[in-house]
Amino acid sequence: MKKILFAVLERGQETDALYSSIIDSGYNGTLIKTQSLKHVLNNDSFKAVLSLSQIAEDTHEAGQNATIFVIVDEEKLPTLRAMIREHTSNFDKIHGAMFVLPIEDFEGSF
């Protein structure tokens, strides 16, 4: 059975190293650069419409996150989760979270 792992992590050099490790271990997924909602709402320059180009900038400033999702076979999931825990020091060194959902139906080449 396929599962989908979501991880939202602070962006930074340590996070980049984690992504490289994930790729080197044969996993593939999608990364979306995101921004903390709290950071956006506390920003004095907040505008009613967010600029996607500002969110997508290649920056490691505070409040900048990345959301990754990886479709993975159930038996490979523990290794991927352990890798994320190790690189984040159980989310102490790199703040964030991860969760897994079952995939009821899947077609494609991930």
Protein backbone atom coordinates (compact mmCIF):
# COMPACT_ATOMS: atom_id res chain seq x y z
CA MET A 1 0.00 0.00 0.00
CA LYS A 2 1.20 3.52 -0.79
CA LYS A 3 1.36 6.25 1.84
CA ILE A 4 1.96 9.95 1.53
CA LEU A 5 4.29 11.64 3.98
CA PHE A 6 3.99 15.39 4.48
CA ALA A 7 6.72 17.32 6.29
CA VAL A 8 6.72 21.05 6.97
CA LEU A 9 10.20 22.21 7.95
CA GLU A 10 12.02 25.48 8.51
CA ARG A 11 14.17 26.31 5.53
CA GLY A 12 17.92 26.42 6.02
CA GLN A 13 21.18 24.72 5.19
CA GLU A 14 20.42 21.78 7.50
CA THR A 15 17.10 21.28 5.74
CA ASP A 16 18.83 21.37 2.37
CA ALA A 17 21.14 18.59 3.60
CA LEU A 18 18.08 16.54 4.60
CA TYR A 19 16.57 16.92 1.12
CA SER A 20 19.86 15.79 -0.44
CA SER A 21 19.89 12.77 1.85
CA ILE A 22 16.30 11.90 0.89
CA ILE A 23 17.18 12.06 -2.81
CA ASP A 24 20.43 10.11 -2.32
CA SER A 25 18.41 7.37 -0.57
CA GLY A 26 16.24 6.91 -3.65
CA TYR A 27 13.13 8.80 -2.56
CA ASN A 28 11.47 11.43 -4.70
CA GLY A 29 8.78 13.91 -3.89
CA THR A 30 7.58 17.45 -4.28
CA LEU A 31 8.78 20.51 -2.40
CA ILE A 32 6.71 23.65 -2.08
CA LYS A 33 8.27 26.74 -0.52
CA THR A 34 5.84 28.02 2.08
CA GLN A 35 5.68 30.69 4.74
CA SER A 36 4.53 30.54 8.32
CA LEU A 37 1.03 31.98 8.65
CA LYS A 38 2.06 33.62 11.93
CA HIS A 39 5.02 35.23 10.15
CA VAL A 40 2.81 36.57 7.36
CA LEU A 41 0.16 37.99 9.70
CA ASN A 42 2.72 39.58 12.06
CA ASN A 43 4.56 41.26 9.21
CA ASP A 44 3.87 45.02 9.17
CA SER A 45 4.12 45.06 5.39
CA PHE A 46 1.35 42.43 5.06
CA LYS A 47 -0.89 43.17 2.11
CA ALA A 48 -4.32 41.76 1.37
CA VAL A 49 -2.87 39.87 -1.59
CA LEU A 50 0.31 37.87 -1.13
CA SER A 51 2.87 37.86 -3.88
CA LEU A 52 3.68 34.29 -4.89
CA SER A 53 7.06 35.42 -6.17
CA GLN A 54 7.93 36.76 -2.69
CA ILE A 55 6.99 33.46 -1.06
CA ALA A 56 8.94 31.47 -3.67
CA GLU A 57 12.19 33.42 -3.18
CA ASP A 58 15.21 31.27 -2.40
CA THR A 59 15.69 32.50 1.16
CA HIS A 60 16.34 30.99 4.57
CA GLU A 61 14.92 33.89 6.62
CA ALA A 62 12.87 33.30 9.75
CA GLY A 63 9.31 32.23 8.98
CA GLN A 64 10.28 30.60 5.69
CA ASN A 65 9.31 26.94 5.47
CA ALA A 66 9.22 24.19 2.93
CA THR A 67 6.46 21.62 2.66
CA ILE A 68 7.47 18.34 1.11
CA PHE A 69 5.31 15.40 0.23
CA VAL A 70 6.61 12.01 -0.71
CA ILE A 71 4.57 9.07 -1.98
CA VAL A 72 6.21 5.96 -0.60
CA ASP A 73 5.57 2.24 -0.23
CA GLU A 74 4.42 1.41 3.29
CA GLU A 75 7.45 -0.80 3.99
CA LYS A 76 9.88 2.06 3.12
CA LEU A 77 8.09 4.62 5.30
CA PRO A 78 9.89 3.83 8.60
CA THR A 79 13.29 4.51 6.98
CA LEU A 80 12.15 7.85 5.58
CA ARG A 81 10.62 8.91 8.89
CA ALA A 82 13.80 7.91 10.75
CA MET A 83 15.88 9.95 8.31
CA ILE A 84 13.75 13.05 8.94
CA ARG A 85 13.90 12.54 12.71
CA GLU A 86 17.68 12.13 12.58
CA HIS A 87 18.33 15.25 10.47
CA THR A 88 15.96 17.39 12.53
CA SER A 89 17.07 15.96 15.91
CA ASN A 90 13.43 15.06 16.52
CA PHE A 91 12.39 18.55 15.37
CA ASP A 92 14.61 20.33 17.90
CA LYS A 93 17.38 21.41 15.50
CA ILE A 94 15.02 22.01 12.57
CA HIS A 95 11.55 22.99 13.69
CA GLY A 96 8.62 21.48 11.87
CA ALA A 97 6.35 18.48 11.79
CA MET A 98 5.48 15.46 9.69
CA PHE A 99 2.41 13.33 9.22
CA VAL A 100 1.39 10.39 7.06
CA LEU A 101 -1.86 9.60 5.28
CA PRO A 102 -2.90 6.43 3.50
CA ILE A 103 -3.52 6.61 -0.24
CA GLU A 104 -6.67 4.80 -1.21
CA ASP A 105 -5.93 4.78 -4.94
CA PHE A 106 -2.77 5.64 -6.86
CA GLU A 107 -1.76 5.83 -10.51
CA GLY A 108 1.45 7.29 -11.84
CA SER A 109 5.18 6.92 -11.81
CA PHE A 110 6.37 8.36 -8.47
